[in-house]
Amino acid sequence: MGAIPARPTPPEARVQTESLLEELGLTKTEARIYLCLLEQSPLAAGTIADLTGTSRSSVYLILRSLVDKGLVDAGAGYSSRFQPAAPDIALAGLLERGREELREREQHVQSALPDLMRRFESSAAGDGELVEILRTPKLVGDRFDRLHAASQQTIDIVVRRPVQLGGTNQPELDALARGVRARAVYDHGLMRHPSIADNIGAWIDAGEDARVFHGDLPMKFAVFDGHTVLMPLFAPGVGGVVALIVRSRELAGALGLLFDTLWTASMPIDPDAFRHQHDHEPVTVDGGHAQ
């Protein structure tokens, strides 16, 4: 029995469906051949090549690929005819194949990550650029988040005005979830500021060790893993934000001693005091989390 032609598909619908199949992992030619077989089948390889504009020298390889992916069934023998698998079954199998490939990629990433991180940390600790100057609030925020993401052991932060406001501080929460120890000393004048008061209870619940300093904090800075410092700088007549990233164990060690001194002189924070507080002071500075 010959092939039974199906009702023609509108060209725009066919192009859209081909694109969707390509998004699922088929090549353009594979998608075209599968749609051809859905519209009329079974077909011999030579007929498929003629209908789809595919060269006869490559059509068998493409059909074999579709067979391997579970989208096409083939009869036995050299002159066998090909017909499509039911789309619901074929696409379900294609999705599962994609999930399996993703799982394999995730395993490869986890296997390669330790060596890649060793290479990165070795390069950062070597003779590379020791000082990086950041000149915009967005760049400061991006680097702040990246340093959190790269931290492995400790994060110590001194927080004073001016602050950059924002939400949940997800990079720190992610670091805490990895087992990184995070300590923060806050200026007492910030404790009613919305960016602090609205979130500090959740940060402490997640594991941040927080204290408040009842005095004038000399500067604001963050020390990551005892070797990298992020230090905003504020100078009269200089607009915007200027900050330095310094990769130096000597500077990080000196600021670590300063942090420990401030930490000892500070008082632990009771997160319950902030859970229902609504008497906030006005917001005056835009940006990201208190950096």
C-alpha atoms as a PDB file:
ATOM      1  CA  MET A   1       0.000   0.000   0.000  1.00  0.00           C
ATOM      2  CA  GLY A   2       1.378   3.422  -0.917  1.00  0.00           C
ATOM      3  CA  ALA A   3       1.776   6.382   1.342  1.00  0.00           C
ATOM      4  CA  ILE A   4      -1.421   8.248   2.232  1.00  0.00           C
ATOM      5  CA  PRO A   5      -0.921  12.000   1.956  1.00  0.00           C
ATOM      6  CA  ALA A   6      -1.959  13.974   4.980  1.00  0.00           C
ATOM      7  CA  ARG A   7      -3.702  17.340   4.981  1.00  0.00           C
ATOM      8  CA  PRO A   8      -1.076  19.973   4.064  1.00  0.00           C
ATOM      9  CA  THR A   9       0.346  21.928   6.981  1.00  0.00           C
ATOM     10  CA  PRO A  10       0.352  25.746   6.634  1.00  0.00           C
ATOM     11  CA  PRO A  11       3.942  26.905   5.955  1.00  0.00           C
ATOM     12  CA  GLU A  12       4.057  29.243   8.969  1.00  0.00           C
ATOM     13  CA  ALA A  13       2.899  26.435  11.307  1.00  0.00           C
ATOM     14  CA  ARG A  14       5.459  24.069   9.834  1.00  0.00           C
ATOM     15  CA  VAL A  15       8.296  26.563  10.370  1.00  0.00           C
ATOM     16  CA  GLN A  16       7.184  27.132  13.964  1.00  0.00           C
ATOM     17  CA  THR A  17       7.031  23.409  14.678  1.00  0.00           C
ATOM     18  CA  GLU A  18      10.454  22.863  13.114  1.00  0.00           C
ATOM     19  CA  SER A  19      11.857  25.546  15.405  1.00  0.00           C
ATOM     20  CA  LEU A  20      10.302  23.893  18.458  1.00  0.00           C
ATOM     21  CA  LEU A  21      11.814  20.544  17.487  1.00  0.00           C
ATOM     22  CA  GLU A  22      15.201  22.227  17.095  1.00  0.00           C
ATOM     23  CA  GLU A  23      14.817  23.633  20.611  1.00  0.00           C
ATOM     24  CA  LEU A  24      14.360  20.026  21.770  1.00  0.00           C
ATOM     25  CA  GLY A  25      17.702  19.045  20.264  1.00  0.00           C
ATOM     26  CA  LEU A  26      16.997  18.053  16.657  1.00  0.00           C
ATOM     27  CA  THR A  27      18.922  19.498  13.756  1.00  0.00           C
ATOM     28  CA  LYS A  28      16.970  21.462  11.162  1.00  0.00           C
ATOM     29  CA  THR A  29      17.170  18.560   8.695  1.00  0.00           C
ATOM     30  CA  GLU A  30      16.116  16.010  11.339  1.00  0.00           C
ATOM     31  CA  ALA A  31      13.096  18.139  12.210  1.00  0.00           C
ATOM     32  CA  ARG A  32      12.168  18.507   8.525  1.00  0.00           C
ATOM     33  CA  ILE A  33      12.392  14.755   7.911  1.00  0.00           C
ATOM     34  CA  TYR A  34      10.382  13.880  11.034  1.00  0.00           C
ATOM     35  CA  LEU A  35       7.592  16.277  10.005  1.00  0.00           C
ATOM     36  CA  CYS A  36       7.669  14.858   6.485  1.00  0.00           C
ATOM     37  CA  LEU A  37       7.141  11.356   7.843  1.00  0.00           C
ATOM     38  CA  LEU A  38       4.313  12.545  10.108  1.00  0.00           C
ATOM     39  CA  GLU A  39       2.509  13.870   7.026  1.00  0.00           C
ATOM     40  CA  GLN A  40       3.045  10.804   4.830  1.00  0.00           C
ATOM     41  CA  SER A  41       4.538   7.433   5.639  1.00  0.00           C
ATOM     42  CA  PRO A  42       5.979   4.899   5.330  1.00  0.00           C
ATOM     43  CA  LEU A  43       8.529   6.223   2.879  1.00  0.00           C
ATOM     44  CA  ALA A  44      11.745   4.919   1.363  1.00  0.00           C
ATOM     45  CA  ALA A  45      14.937   6.817   2.056  1.00  0.00           C
ATOM     46  CA  GLY A  46      15.227   8.032  -1.528  1.00  0.00           C
ATOM     47  CA  THR A  47      11.699   9.456  -1.453  1.00  0.00           C
ATOM     48  CA  ILE A  48      12.410  11.198   1.876  1.00  0.00           C
ATOM     49  CA  ALA A  49      15.526  12.751   0.377  1.00  0.00           C
ATOM     50  CA  ASP A  50      13.553  14.072  -2.616  1.00  0.00           C
ATOM     51  CA  LEU A  51      10.659  15.452  -0.531  1.00  0.00           C
ATOM     52  CA  THR A  52      12.857  17.217   2.012  1.00  0.00           C
ATOM     53  CA  GLY A  53      15.655  18.404  -0.273  1.00  0.00           C
ATOM     54  CA  THR A  54      18.203  16.248   1.545  1.00  0.00           C
ATOM     55  CA  SER A  55      21.120  14.717  -0.336  1.00  0.00           C
ATOM     56  CA  ARG A  56      20.848  10.953  -0.795  1.00  0.00           C
ATOM     57  CA  SER A  57      24.392  10.542   0.469  1.00  0.00           C
ATOM     58  CA  SER A  58      23.424  11.887   3.909  1.00  0.00           C
ATOM     59  CA  VAL A  59      19.776  10.914   4.304  1.00  0.00           C
ATOM     60  CA  TYR A  60      20.606   7.447   5.693  1.00  0.00           C
ATOM     61  CA  LEU A  61      22.837   8.942   8.396  1.00  0.00           C
ATOM     62  CA  ILE A  62      20.098  11.387   9.392  1.00  0.00           C
ATOM     63  CA  LEU A  63      17.448   8.657   9.443  1.00  0.00           C
ATOM     64  CA  ARG A  64      19.741   6.492  11.583  1.00  0.00           C
ATOM     65  CA  SER A  65      20.118   9.395  14.011  1.00  0.00           C
ATOM     66  CA  LEU A  66      16.324   9.738  14.216  1.00  0.00           C
ATOM     67  CA  VAL A  67      16.003   6.006  14.806  1.00  0.00           C
ATOM     68  CA  ASP A  68      18.563   6.204  17.619  1.00  0.00           C
ATOM     69  CA  LYS A  69      16.619   9.089  19.182  1.00  0.00           C
ATOM     70  CA  GLY A  70      13.398   7.099  19.065  1.00  0.00           C
ATOM     71  CA  LEU A  71      11.585   9.380  16.621  1.00  0.00           C
ATOM     72  CA  VAL A  72      11.588   7.070  13.595  1.00  0.00           C
ATOM     73  CA  ASP A  73      11.006   3.323  13.102  1.00  0.00           C
ATOM     74  CA  ALA A  74      12.717   1.479  10.250  1.00  0.00           C
ATOM     75  CA  GLY A  75      11.854  -1.774   8.539  1.00  0.00           C
ATOM     76  CA  ALA A  76      14.400  -4.496   7.834  1.00  0.00           C
ATOM     77  CA  GLY A  77      16.577  -4.648   4.750  1.00  0.00           C
ATOM     78  CA  TYR A  78      18.331  -2.216   2.431  1.00  0.00           C
ATOM     79  CA  SER A  79      15.116  -1.053   0.755  1.00  0.00           C
ATOM     80  CA  SER A  80      13.177  -0.711   4.019  1.00  0.00           C
ATOM     81  CA  ARG A  81      10.691   2.057   4.552  1.00  0.00           C
ATOM     82  CA  PHE A  82      10.647   4.489   7.432  1.00  0.00           C
ATOM     83  CA  GLN A  83       7.743   5.735   9.529  1.00  0.00           C
ATOM     84  CA  PRO A  84       7.510   8.105  12.507  1.00  0.00           C
ATOM     85  CA  ALA A  85       7.031   7.124  16.120  1.00  0.00           C
ATOM     86  CA  ALA A  86       3.939   8.591  17.799  1.00  0.00           C
ATOM     87  CA  PRO A  87       4.806  12.197  18.803  1.00  0.00           C
ATOM     88  CA  ASP A  88       3.701  11.828  22.441  1.00  0.00           C
ATOM     89  CA  ILE A  89       5.966   8.821  22.954  1.00  0.00           C
ATOM     90  CA  ALA A  90       8.790  10.162  20.779  1.00  0.00           C
ATOM     91  CA  LEU A  91       8.969  13.583  22.467  1.00  0.00           C
ATOM     92  CA  ALA A  92       8.693  12.092  25.959  1.00  0.00           C
ATOM     93  CA  GLY A  93      11.711   9.952  25.137  1.00  0.00           C
ATOM     94  CA  LEU A  94      13.534  12.993  23.748  1.00  0.00           C
ATOM     95  CA  LEU A  95      12.910  14.930  26.956  1.00  0.00           C
ATOM     96  CA  GLU A  96      14.166  12.050  29.080  1.00  0.00           C
ATOM     97  CA  ARG A  97      17.268  11.834  26.904  1.00  0.00           C
ATOM     98  CA  GLY A  98      17.848  15.553  27.505  1.00  0.00           C
ATOM     99  CA  ARG A  99      17.421  15.103  31.264  1.00  0.00           C
ATOM    100  CA  GLU A 100      19.929  12.271  31.270  1.00  0.00           C
ATOM    101  CA  GLU A 101      22.434  14.371  29.322  1.00  0.00           C
ATOM    102  CA  LEU A 102      21.921  17.226  31.806  1.00  0.00           C
ATOM    103  CA  ARG A 103      22.534  14.870  34.727  1.00  0.00           C
ATOM    104  CA  GLU A 104      25.741  13.693  33.062  1.00  0.00           C
ATOM    105  CA  ARG A 105      26.865  17.312  32.528  1.00  0.00           C
ATOM    106  CA  GLU A 106      26.173  18.091  36.193  1.00  0.00           C
ATOM    107  CA  GLN A 107      28.316  15.100  37.193  1.00  0.00           C
ATOM    108  CA  HIS A 108      31.095  16.294  34.882  1.00  0.00           C
ATOM    109  CA  VAL A 109      30.900  19.779  36.426  1.00  0.00           C
ATOM    110  CA  GLN A 110      31.148  18.370  39.948  1.00  0.00           C
ATOM    111  CA  SER A 111      34.117  16.233  38.912  1.00  0.00           C
ATOM    112  CA  ALA A 112      35.957  19.118  37.226  1.00  0.00           C
ATOM    113  CA  LEU A 113      35.127  21.822  39.789  1.00  0.00           C
ATOM    114  CA  PRO A 114      37.745  20.947  42.464  1.00  0.00           C
ATOM    115  CA  ASP A 115      40.615  21.106  39.962  1.00  0.00           C
ATOM    116  CA  LEU A 116      39.261  24.280  38.364  1.00  0.00           C
ATOM    117  CA  MET A 117      38.896  25.959  41.769  1.00  0.00           C
ATOM    118  CA  ARG A 118      42.470  24.963  42.693  1.00  0.00           C
ATOM    119  CA  ARG A 119      43.719  26.534  39.481  1.00  0.00           C
ATOM    120  CA  PHE A 120      41.654  29.688  40.100  1.00  0.00           C
ATOM    121  CA  GLU A 121      42.801  30.053  43.704  1.00  0.00           C
ATOM    122  CA  SER A 122      46.409  29.396  42.746  1.00  0.00           C
ATOM    123  CA  SER A 123      46.233  32.094  40.084  1.00  0.00           C
ATOM    124  CA  ALA A 124      44.523  34.562  42.434  1.00  0.00           C
ATOM    125  CA  ALA A 125      47.189  33.985  45.066  1.00  0.00           C
ATOM    126  CA  GLY A 126      50.074  34.317  42.626  1.00  0.00           C
ATOM    127  CA  ASP A 127      51.569  37.294  40.851  1.00  0.00           C
ATOM    128  CA  GLY A 128      48.335  38.440  39.197  1.00  0.00           C
ATOM    129  CA  GLU A 129      46.579  41.761  39.724  1.00  0.00           C
ATOM    130  CA  LEU A 130      46.601  42.409  43.480  1.00  0.00           C
ATOM    131  CA  VAL A 131      44.472  45.575  43.450  1.00  0.00           C
ATOM    132  CA  GLU A 132      41.242  46.146  41.537  1.00  0.00           C
ATOM    133  CA  ILE A 133      39.521  49.556  41.505  1.00  0.00           C
ATOM    134  CA  LEU A 134      35.719  49.595  41.279  1.00  0.00           C
ATOM    135  CA  ARG A 135      34.102  52.860  40.235  1.00  0.00           C
ATOM    136  CA  THR A 136      30.327  52.218  40.018  1.00  0.00           C
ATOM    137  CA  PRO A 137      27.748  50.932  42.529  1.00  0.00           C
ATOM    138  CA  LYS A 138      26.762  48.123  40.141  1.00  0.00           C
ATOM    139  CA  LEU A 139      30.344  46.945  39.797  1.00  0.00           C
ATOM    140  CA  VAL A 140      30.818  47.057  43.573  1.00  0.00           C
ATOM    141  CA  GLY A 141      27.645  45.001  44.033  1.00  0.00           C
ATOM    142  CA  ASP A 142      28.640  42.462  41.378  1.00  0.00           C
ATOM    143  CA  ARG A 143      32.109  41.943  42.871  1.00  0.00           C
ATOM    144  CA  PHE A 144      30.643  41.752  46.383  1.00  0.00           C
ATOM    145  CA  ASP A 145      28.304  38.954  45.258  1.00  0.00           C
ATOM    146  CA  ARG A 146      31.091  37.123  43.411  1.00  0.00           C
ATOM    147  CA  LEU A 147      33.375  37.233  46.438  1.00  0.00           C
ATOM    148  CA  HIS A 148      30.577  35.709  48.513  1.00  0.00           C
ATOM    149  CA  ALA A 149      30.108  32.991  45.895  1.00  0.00           C
ATOM    150  CA  ALA A 150      33.841  32.199  45.887  1.00  0.00           C
ATOM    151  CA  SER A 151      34.274  32.184  49.669  1.00  0.00           C
ATOM    152  CA  GLN A 152      35.011  28.824  51.230  1.00  0.00           C
ATOM    153  CA  GLN A 153      35.602  29.439  54.936  1.00  0.00           C
ATOM    154  CA  THR A 154      34.989  32.893  56.412  1.00  0.00           C
ATOM    155  CA  ILE A 155      33.372  36.254  55.668  1.00  0.00           C
ATOM    156  CA  ASP A 156      33.873  39.164  58.104  1.00  0.00           C
ATOM    157  CA  ILE A 157      32.055  42.433  57.348  1.00  0.00           C
ATOM    158  CA  VAL A 158      31.957  45.844  59.015  1.00  0.00           C
ATOM    159  CA  VAL A 159      28.778  47.695  58.013  1.00  0.00           C
ATOM    160  CA  ARG A 160      28.354  51.433  58.450  1.00  0.00           C
ATOM    161  CA  ARG A 161      26.933  54.343  56.452  1.00  0.00           C
ATOM    162  CA  PRO A 162      26.397  54.908  53.632  1.00  0.00           C
ATOM    163  CA  VAL A 163      24.578  51.683  52.796  1.00  0.00           C
ATOM    164  CA  GLN A 164      23.294  50.395  49.503  1.00  0.00           C
ATOM    165  CA  LEU A 165      19.770  49.137  49.977  1.00  0.00           C
ATOM    166  CA  GLY A 166      18.242  45.910  48.756  1.00  0.00           C
ATOM    167  CA  GLY A 167      16.659  42.570  49.417  1.00  0.00           C
ATOM    168  CA  THR A 168      17.549  39.305  51.052  1.00  0.00           C
ATOM    169  CA  ASN A 169      21.322  39.239  50.440  1.00  0.00           C
ATOM    170  CA  GLN A 170      21.060  35.872  48.706  1.00  0.00           C
ATOM    171  CA  PRO A 171      24.825  35.484  48.081  1.00  0.00           C
ATOM    172  CA  GLU A 172      25.469  35.493  51.837  1.00  0.00           C
ATOM    173  CA  LEU A 173      22.588  33.075  52.455  1.00  0.00           C
ATOM    174  CA  ASP A 174      24.062  30.749  49.827  1.00  0.00           C
ATOM    175  CA  ALA A 175      27.485  30.978  51.468  1.00  0.00           C
ATOM    176  CA  LEU A 176      25.991  30.198  54.883  1.00  0.00           C
ATOM    177  CA  ALA A 177      24.219  27.188  53.389  1.00  0.00           C
ATOM    178  CA  ARG A 178      27.630  25.924  52.168  1.00  0.00           C
ATOM    179  CA  GLY A 179      28.970  26.088  55.711  1.00  0.00           C
ATOM    180  CA  VAL A 180      30.856  29.379  55.402  1.00  0.00           C
ATOM    181  CA  ARG A 181      31.105  31.292  58.707  1.00  0.00           C
ATOM    182  CA  ALA A 182      29.828  34.860  58.335  1.00  0.00           C
ATOM    183  CA  ARG A 183      30.261  37.546  60.987  1.00  0.00           C
ATOM    184  CA  ALA A 184      29.044  41.141  60.751  1.00  0.00           C
ATOM    185  CA  VAL A 185      29.571  44.194  62.951  1.00  0.00           C
ATOM    186  CA  TYR A 186      26.872  46.842  62.402  1.00  0.00           C
ATOM    187  CA  ASP A 187      26.953  50.522  63.267  1.00  0.00           C
ATOM    188  CA  HIS A 188      24.293  51.185  65.932  1.00  0.00           C
ATOM    189  CA  GLY A 189      22.831  53.994  63.833  1.00  0.00           C
ATOM    190  CA  LEU A 190      21.826  51.512  61.127  1.00  0.00           C
ATOM    191  CA  MET A 191      19.702  49.226  63.250  1.00  0.00           C
ATOM    192  CA  ARG A 192      16.456  51.002  62.354  1.00  0.00           C
ATOM    193  CA  HIS A 193      17.346  51.367  58.709  1.00  0.00           C
ATOM    194  CA  PRO A 194      14.949  49.337  56.477  1.00  0.00           C
ATOM    195  CA  SER A 195      17.733  47.519  54.640  1.00  0.00           C
ATOM    196  CA  ILE A 196      18.972  46.190  57.989  1.00  0.00           C
ATOM    197  CA  ALA A 197      15.885  45.982  60.180  1.00  0.00           C
ATOM    198  CA  ASP A 198      13.729  44.222  57.576  1.00  0.00           C
ATOM    199  CA  ASN A 199      16.268  41.463  56.930  1.00  0.00           C
ATOM    200  CA  ILE A 200      18.636  40.968  59.831  1.00  0.00           C
ATOM    201  CA  GLY A 201      16.352  38.484  61.605  1.00  0.00           C
ATOM    202  CA  ALA A 202      16.398  36.217  58.537  1.00  0.00           C
ATOM    203  CA  TRP A 203      20.176  36.598  58.154  1.00  0.00           C
ATOM    204  CA  ILE A 204      20.756  35.598  61.780  1.00  0.00           C
ATOM    205  CA  ASP A 205      18.315  32.695  61.450  1.00  0.00           C
ATOM    206  CA  ALA A 206      20.322  31.505  58.431  1.00  0.00           C
ATOM    207  CA  GLY A 207      23.537  31.536  60.446  1.00  0.00           C
ATOM    208  CA  GLU A 208      25.011  35.035  60.304  1.00  0.00           C
ATOM    209  CA  ASP A 209      26.728  35.936  63.586  1.00  0.00           C
ATOM    210  CA  ALA A 210      25.825  39.605  64.062  1.00  0.00           C
ATOM    211  CA  ARG A 211      26.791  42.243  66.607  1.00  0.00           C
ATOM    212  CA  VAL A 212      26.193  45.979  66.976  1.00  0.00           C
ATOM    213  CA  PHE A 213      28.930  48.493  67.798  1.00  0.00           C
ATOM    214  CA  HIS A 214      27.874  51.404  70.026  1.00  0.00           C
ATOM    215  CA  GLY A 215      30.375  53.926  68.825  1.00  0.00           C
ATOM    216  CA  ASP A 216      31.842  55.300  65.604  1.00  0.00           C
ATOM    217  CA  LEU A 217      33.107  52.562  63.330  1.00  0.00           C
ATOM    218  CA  PRO A 218      36.357  53.754  61.737  1.00  0.00           C
ATOM    219  CA  MET A 219      35.680  52.313  58.271  1.00  0.00           C
ATOM    220  CA  LYS A 220      33.677  49.712  56.391  1.00  0.00           C
ATOM    221  CA  PHE A 221      35.233  46.657  54.803  1.00  0.00           C
ATOM    222  CA  ALA A 222      34.796  42.952  54.169  1.00  0.00           C
ATOM    223  CA  VAL A 223      37.430  40.232  54.457  1.00  0.00           C
ATOM    224  CA  PHE A 224      36.914  36.962  52.567  1.00  0.00           C
ATOM    225  CA  ASP A 225      38.743  33.766  53.574  1.00  0.00           C
ATOM    226  CA  GLY A 226      41.517  35.739  55.214  1.00  0.00           C
ATOM    227  CA  HIS A 227      43.122  36.805  51.935  1.00  0.00           C
ATOM    228  CA  THR A 228      40.823  39.142  49.953  1.00  0.00           C
ATOM    229  CA  VAL A 229      39.548  42.548  51.089  1.00  0.00           C
ATOM    230  CA  LEU A 230      36.716  44.641  49.650  1.00  0.00           C
ATOM    231  CA  MET A 231      36.973  48.194  50.970  1.00  0.00           C
ATOM    232  CA  PRO A 232      34.716  51.082  49.853  1.00  0.00           C
ATOM    233  CA  LEU A 233      36.362  54.504  49.874  1.00  0.00           C
ATOM    234  CA  PHE A 234      34.577  57.823  50.364  1.00  0.00           C
ATOM    235  CA  ALA A 235      36.414  61.056  49.686  1.00  0.00           C
ATOM    236  CA  PRO A 236      35.153  64.664  49.619  1.00  0.00           C
ATOM    237  CA  GLY A 237      34.473  65.853  46.095  1.00  0.00           C
ATOM    238  CA  VAL A 238      34.513  62.342  44.611  1.00  0.00           C
ATOM    239  CA  GLY A 239      31.136  61.428  43.160  1.00  0.00           C
ATOM    240  CA  GLY A 240      29.693  57.932  43.213  1.00  0.00           C
ATOM    241  CA  VAL A 241      31.266  54.905  44.815  1.00  0.00           C
ATOM    242  CA  VAL A 242      34.908  53.966  44.684  1.00  0.00           C
ATOM    243  CA  ALA A 243      36.012  50.678  46.175  1.00  0.00           C
ATOM    244  CA  LEU A 244      39.123  48.564  46.203  1.00  0.00           C
ATOM    245  CA  ILE A 245      39.551  44.827  46.065  1.00  0.00           C
ATOM    246  CA  VAL A 246      42.948  43.914  47.461  1.00  0.00           C
ATOM    247  CA  ARG A 247      44.211  40.351  47.351  1.00  0.00           C
ATOM    248  CA  SER A 248      46.763  40.422  50.154  1.00  0.00           C
ATOM    249  CA  ARG A 249      47.014  38.181  53.176  1.00  0.00           C
ATOM    250  CA  GLU A 250      49.003  40.896  54.984  1.00  0.00           C
ATOM    251  CA  LEU A 251      46.276  43.537  54.576  1.00  0.00           C
ATOM    252  CA  ALA A 252      43.554  40.968  55.238  1.00  0.00           C
ATOM    253  CA  GLY A 253      45.366  39.914  58.414  1.00  0.00           C
ATOM    254  CA  ALA A 254      45.674  43.509  59.650  1.00  0.00           C
ATOM    255  CA  LEU A 255      42.005  44.224  58.985  1.00  0.00           C
ATOM    256  CA  GLY A 256      41.164  40.895  60.573  1.00  0.00           C
ATOM    257  CA  LEU A 257      42.795  42.085  63.806  1.00  0.00           C
ATOM    258  CA  LEU A 258      40.777  45.321  63.569  1.00  0.00           C
ATOM    259  CA  PHE A 259      37.617  43.314  62.996  1.00  0.00           C
ATOM    260  CA  ASP A 260      38.319  41.109  66.031  1.00  0.00           C
ATOM    261  CA  THR A 261      38.833  44.217  68.175  1.00  0.00           C
ATOM    262  CA  LEU A 262      35.522  45.698  67.019  1.00  0.00           C
ATOM    263  CA  TRP A 263      33.836  42.315  67.436  1.00  0.00           C
ATOM    264  CA  THR A 264      34.967  42.003  71.050  1.00  0.00           C
ATOM    265  CA  ALA A 265      33.715  45.527  71.802  1.00  0.00           C
ATOM    266  CA  SER A 266      30.315  44.914  70.201  1.00  0.00           C
ATOM    267  CA  MET A 267      27.063  43.512  71.602  1.00  0.00           C
ATOM    268  CA  PRO A 268      25.192  40.471  70.241  1.00  0.00           C
ATOM    269  CA  ILE A 269      21.985  41.285  68.358  1.00  0.00           C
ATOM    270  CA  ASP A 270      18.609  39.858  69.377  1.00  0.00           C
ATOM    271  CA  PRO A 271      16.826  39.117  66.054  1.00  0.00           C
ATOM    272  CA  ASP A 272      13.407  39.050  67.741  1.00  0.00           C
ATOM    273  CA  ALA A 273      13.702  42.792  68.344  1.00  0.00           C
ATOM    274  CA  PHE A 274      13.486  43.353  64.577  1.00  0.00           C
ATOM    275  CA  ARG A 275      10.817  40.895  63.473  1.00  0.00           C
ATOM    276  CA  HIS A 276       7.869  43.276  63.958  1.00  0.00           C
ATOM    277  CA  GLN A 277       9.577  46.634  63.781  1.00  0.00           C
ATOM    278  CA  HIS A 278       7.934  49.191  61.488  1.00  0.00           C
ATOM    279  CA  ASP A 279       9.389  52.500  62.755  1.00  0.00           C
ATOM    280  CA  HIS A 280      12.077  52.766  60.054  1.00  0.00           C
ATOM    281  CA  GLU A 281      14.049  55.813  59.114  1.00  0.00           C
ATOM    282  CA  PRO A 282      13.757  57.201  55.566  1.00  0.00           C
ATOM    283  CA  VAL A 283      15.506  55.496  52.678  1.00  0.00           C
ATOM    284  CA  THR A 284      18.028  57.814  51.077  1.00  0.00           C
ATOM    285  CA  VAL A 285      20.443  55.679  49.036  1.00  0.00           C
ATOM    286  CA  ASP A 286      19.646  53.227  46.252  1.00  0.00           C
ATOM    287  CA  GLY A 287      21.578  50.108  45.293  1.00  0.00           C
ATOM    288  CA  GLY A 288      22.136  46.560  46.548  1.00  0.00           C
ATOM    289  CA  HIS A 289      22.502  44.948  50.001  1.00  0.00           C
ATOM    290  CA  ALA A 290      24.497  46.688  52.734  1.00  0.00           C
ATOM    291  CA  GLN A 291      27.977  46.522  51.225  1.00  0.00           C
END
